[in-house]
């Protein structure tokens, strides 16, 4: 059990018989009356987002969540298939539980957050930075500079991002998965 002073983004509560993740919260101390906490909660199973207000100090039940390292194997009509890197067990996860799916390539690693009591996958967290090969982009033109414009590039994972004009097909780039932005070139096509 916890109370409203323990709230933080990402905390998973057992509320109204279901698992809800705190997306946002705000402690409010009005001039008159008791303090309270406004929250935005996301249903882990359905994705539904609701607003709820808790009284300050109100006790809530928290869910025990475990972070387990997995490797992404492949995707088919059943979902995304992952292998636990510790036990080698394979699980299939619905695509809607994998935010930023476009930056996850086969063989890539990710953490699967699991509700410990029910062994139910809650969400998949991919690393903040990933390195992916550019598979399709317009060729760079002689004289392009690093400070020039940008162009779209399709990555091996299927995501399309904006990259500087000097990036070519076959180059490996580092991408921020939270913003979808190009960070730097890691390897050129010739260096492979």
Protein backbone atom coordinates (compact mmCIF):
# COMPACT_ATOMS: atom_id res chain seq x y z
CA UNK A 1 0.00 0.00 0.00
CA UNK A 2 1.04 3.55 -0.68
CA UNK A 3 -0.50 6.98 -0.41
CA UNK A 4 -0.70 10.01 -2.68
CA UNK A 5 2.72 11.30 -1.56
CA UNK A 6 4.25 8.25 -3.30
CA UNK A 7 2.73 9.13 -6.69
CA UNK A 8 5.13 9.42 -9.62
CA UNK A 9 4.72 9.11 -13.38
CA UNK A 10 4.70 5.46 -14.41
CA UNK A 11 3.51 4.12 -11.03
CA UNK A 12 0.93 1.36 -11.55
CA UNK A 13 -2.07 1.26 -9.21
CA UNK A 14 -4.71 -1.37 -8.61
CA UNK A 15 -7.82 0.82 -8.85
CA UNK A 16 -11.44 -0.15 -9.55
CA UNK A 17 -10.37 -3.77 -10.02
CA UNK A 18 -7.92 -3.03 -12.83
CA UNK A 19 -4.33 -1.87 -13.38
CA UNK A 20 -3.90 1.87 -14.02
CA UNK A 21 -0.64 3.67 -14.76
CA UNK A 22 -0.16 7.27 -13.64
CA UNK A 23 0.49 9.39 -16.72
CA UNK A 24 0.37 12.79 -14.97
CA UNK A 25 -0.30 14.00 -11.47
CA UNK A 26 -0.48 17.34 -9.69
CA UNK A 27 -0.62 18.03 -5.95
CA UNK A 28 -3.10 20.88 -5.30
CA UNK A 29 -3.35 22.85 -2.04
CA UNK A 30 -6.33 25.19 -2.35
CA UNK A 31 -6.65 28.16 0.00
CA UNK A 32 -9.80 26.64 1.43
CA UNK A 33 -10.48 22.96 2.08
CA UNK A 34 -8.19 19.96 2.04
CA UNK A 35 -5.36 19.26 -0.35
CA UNK A 36 -5.87 16.79 -3.19
CA UNK A 37 -4.04 15.18 -6.10
CA UNK A 38 -5.31 15.42 -9.67
CA UNK A 39 -4.22 12.47 -11.79
CA UNK A 40 -4.46 11.27 -15.35
CA UNK A 41 -4.58 7.47 -15.31
CA UNK A 42 -4.18 5.07 -18.24
CA UNK A 43 -5.76 1.63 -18.12
CA UNK A 44 -2.93 -0.82 -18.75
CA UNK A 45 -5.17 -3.38 -20.43
CA UNK A 46 -7.44 -1.18 -22.59
CA UNK A 47 -5.42 2.01 -23.01
CA UNK A 48 -8.36 4.13 -21.79
CA UNK A 49 -7.26 7.40 -20.16
CA UNK A 50 -9.30 8.94 -17.34
CA UNK A 51 -8.91 11.86 -14.95
CA UNK A 52 -9.34 11.18 -11.24
CA UNK A 53 -8.88 13.17 -8.06
CA UNK A 54 -7.53 11.59 -4.88
CA UNK A 55 -7.64 13.21 -1.43
CA UNK A 56 -4.17 14.04 -0.11
CA UNK A 57 -2.90 11.13 1.96
CA UNK A 58 -5.45 8.69 0.53
CA UNK A 59 -4.17 5.10 0.60
CA UNK A 60 -3.96 3.25 -2.72
CA UNK A 61 -2.86 -0.23 -3.65
CA UNK A 62 0.16 -0.38 -5.93
CA UNK A 63 0.95 -3.21 -8.30
CA UNK A 64 4.37 -4.87 -8.22
CA UNK A 65 5.93 -4.42 -11.63
CA UNK A 66 9.07 -6.26 -12.75
CA UNK A 67 11.35 -5.14 -15.58
CA UNK A 68 12.65 -8.10 -17.58
CA UNK A 69 15.18 -7.92 -20.44
CA UNK A 70 13.91 -9.41 -23.70
CA UNK A 71 15.07 -9.70 -27.30
CA UNK A 72 12.63 -8.88 -30.11
CA UNK A 73 12.46 -11.88 -32.45
CA UNK A 74 9.83 -11.12 -35.11
CA UNK A 75 6.31 -9.84 -35.75
CA UNK A 76 3.41 -11.72 -37.33
CA UNK A 77 -0.41 -11.68 -37.28
CA UNK A 78 -0.38 -12.89 -33.63
CA UNK A 79 1.72 -9.95 -32.41
CA UNK A 80 5.33 -9.24 -31.52
CA UNK A 81 7.40 -12.19 -30.33
CA UNK A 82 10.01 -11.66 -27.62
CA UNK A 83 12.46 -13.99 -25.88
CA UNK A 84 13.37 -13.52 -22.22
CA UNK A 85 17.16 -13.12 -22.09
CA UNK A 86 17.39 -14.84 -18.69
CA UNK A 87 15.03 -17.81 -19.06
CA UNK A 88 14.86 -18.05 -22.90
CA UNK A 89 11.06 -18.32 -22.68
CA UNK A 90 9.19 -16.77 -25.59
CA UNK A 91 6.12 -14.55 -25.25
CA UNK A 92 3.84 -12.82 -27.74
CA UNK A 93 2.81 -9.24 -27.03
CA UNK A 94 0.11 -7.15 -28.67
CA UNK A 95 1.50 -4.28 -30.82
CA UNK A 96 -0.51 -1.71 -28.81
CA UNK A 97 1.67 -2.51 -25.76
CA UNK A 98 4.81 -1.49 -27.68
CA UNK A 99 5.07 2.29 -27.88
CA UNK A 100 7.60 3.62 -30.43
CA UNK A 101 7.40 0.25 -32.23
CA UNK A 102 8.95 1.78 -35.34
CA UNK A 103 12.39 1.91 -33.70
CA UNK A 104 12.49 -1.77 -32.70
CA UNK A 105 14.35 -4.05 -35.11
CA UNK A 106 14.57 -7.83 -35.13
CA UNK A 107 17.29 -8.88 -32.68
CA UNK A 108 16.97 -5.61 -30.76
CA UNK A 109 16.68 -5.60 -26.99
CA UNK A 110 13.87 -4.11 -24.91
CA UNK A 111 12.53 -4.32 -21.37
CA UNK A 112 9.14 -5.93 -20.88
CA UNK A 113 7.33 -4.61 -17.80
CA UNK A 114 5.32 -7.43 -16.24
CA UNK A 115 2.70 -7.38 -13.46
CA UNK A 116 4.46 -9.74 -11.02
CA UNK A 117 1.33 -11.29 -9.46
CA UNK A 118 -0.42 -12.21 -12.73
CA UNK A 119 2.62 -12.44 -15.06
CA UNK A 120 0.75 -10.12 -17.45
CA UNK A 121 2.89 -7.96 -19.75
CA UNK A 122 2.04 -4.28 -19.21
CA UNK A 123 4.23 -2.49 -21.72
CA UNK A 124 7.50 -2.73 -23.60
CA UNK A 125 10.19 -0.10 -23.10
CA UNK A 126 12.74 0.21 -25.87
CA UNK A 127 16.09 1.93 -25.21
CA UNK A 128 16.17 5.74 -25.39
CA UNK A 129 18.83 5.61 -28.12
CA UNK A 130 19.10 2.98 -30.85
CA UNK A 131 21.45 2.53 -33.79
CA UNK A 132 19.75 1.65 -37.07
CA UNK A 133 20.89 1.32 -40.69
CA UNK A 134 19.42 3.66 -43.32
CA UNK A 135 17.83 1.46 -46.01
CA UNK A 136 16.28 4.13 -48.21
CA UNK A 137 17.01 7.83 -48.76
CA UNK A 138 17.75 10.24 -51.59
CA UNK A 139 21.46 10.37 -52.42
CA UNK A 140 23.52 13.18 -50.93
CA UNK A 141 24.57 15.94 -53.34
CA UNK A 142 28.17 17.13 -53.57
CA UNK A 143 28.59 20.29 -51.51
CA UNK A 144 25.95 19.37 -48.90
CA UNK A 145 27.03 20.38 -45.44
CA UNK A 146 26.30 19.17 -41.95
CA UNK A 147 24.45 22.41 -41.24
CA UNK A 148 22.38 22.23 -44.42
CA UNK A 149 18.81 20.97 -44.67
CA UNK A 150 17.38 17.58 -43.98
CA UNK A 151 15.71 14.79 -45.91
CA UNK A 152 13.56 11.77 -45.01
CA UNK A 153 15.30 8.43 -44.50
CA UNK A 154 13.74 4.99 -43.99
CA UNK A 155 15.46 2.90 -41.33
CA UNK A 156 15.85 -0.88 -41.19
CA UNK A 157 13.14 -1.03 -38.51
CA UNK A 158 10.64 0.64 -40.85
CA UNK A 159 10.61 4.07 -39.16
CA UNK A 160 11.08 7.19 -41.27
CA UNK A 161 13.03 10.10 -39.74
CA UNK A 162 14.61 13.34 -40.92
CA UNK A 163 18.39 13.15 -41.39
CA UNK A 164 21.05 15.62 -42.62
CA UNK A 165 21.68 15.74 -46.37
CA UNK A 166 25.09 13.97 -46.08
CA UNK A 167 23.53 10.70 -44.81
CA UNK A 168 23.47 7.93 -47.44
CA UNK A 169 21.85 4.51 -47.78
CA UNK A 170 23.81 1.97 -45.72
CA UNK A 171 24.91 4.50 -43.08
CA UNK A 172 24.18 3.60 -39.46
CA UNK A 173 22.61 6.42 -37.43
CA UNK A 174 21.84 6.88 -33.74
CA UNK A 175 18.23 7.93 -33.08
CA UNK A 176 16.46 9.26 -29.99
CA UNK A 177 13.42 6.95 -29.76
CA UNK A 178 11.46 9.34 -27.52
CA UNK A 179 11.54 12.22 -30.04
CA UNK A 180 12.25 10.32 -33.26
CA UNK A 181 15.17 12.64 -33.95
CA UNK A 182 18.50 11.90 -35.61
CA UNK A 183 21.43 12.25 -33.18
CA UNK A 184 24.58 11.31 -35.10
CA UNK A 185 26.04 9.08 -37.77
CA UNK A 186 27.69 6.02 -36.21
CA UNK A 187 29.11 4.36 -39.32
CA UNK A 188 29.24 5.12 -43.03
CA UNK A 189 28.10 2.75 -45.75
CA UNK A 190 31.73 2.09 -46.79
CA UNK A 191 32.82 1.29 -43.21
CA UNK A 192 29.67 -0.81 -42.86
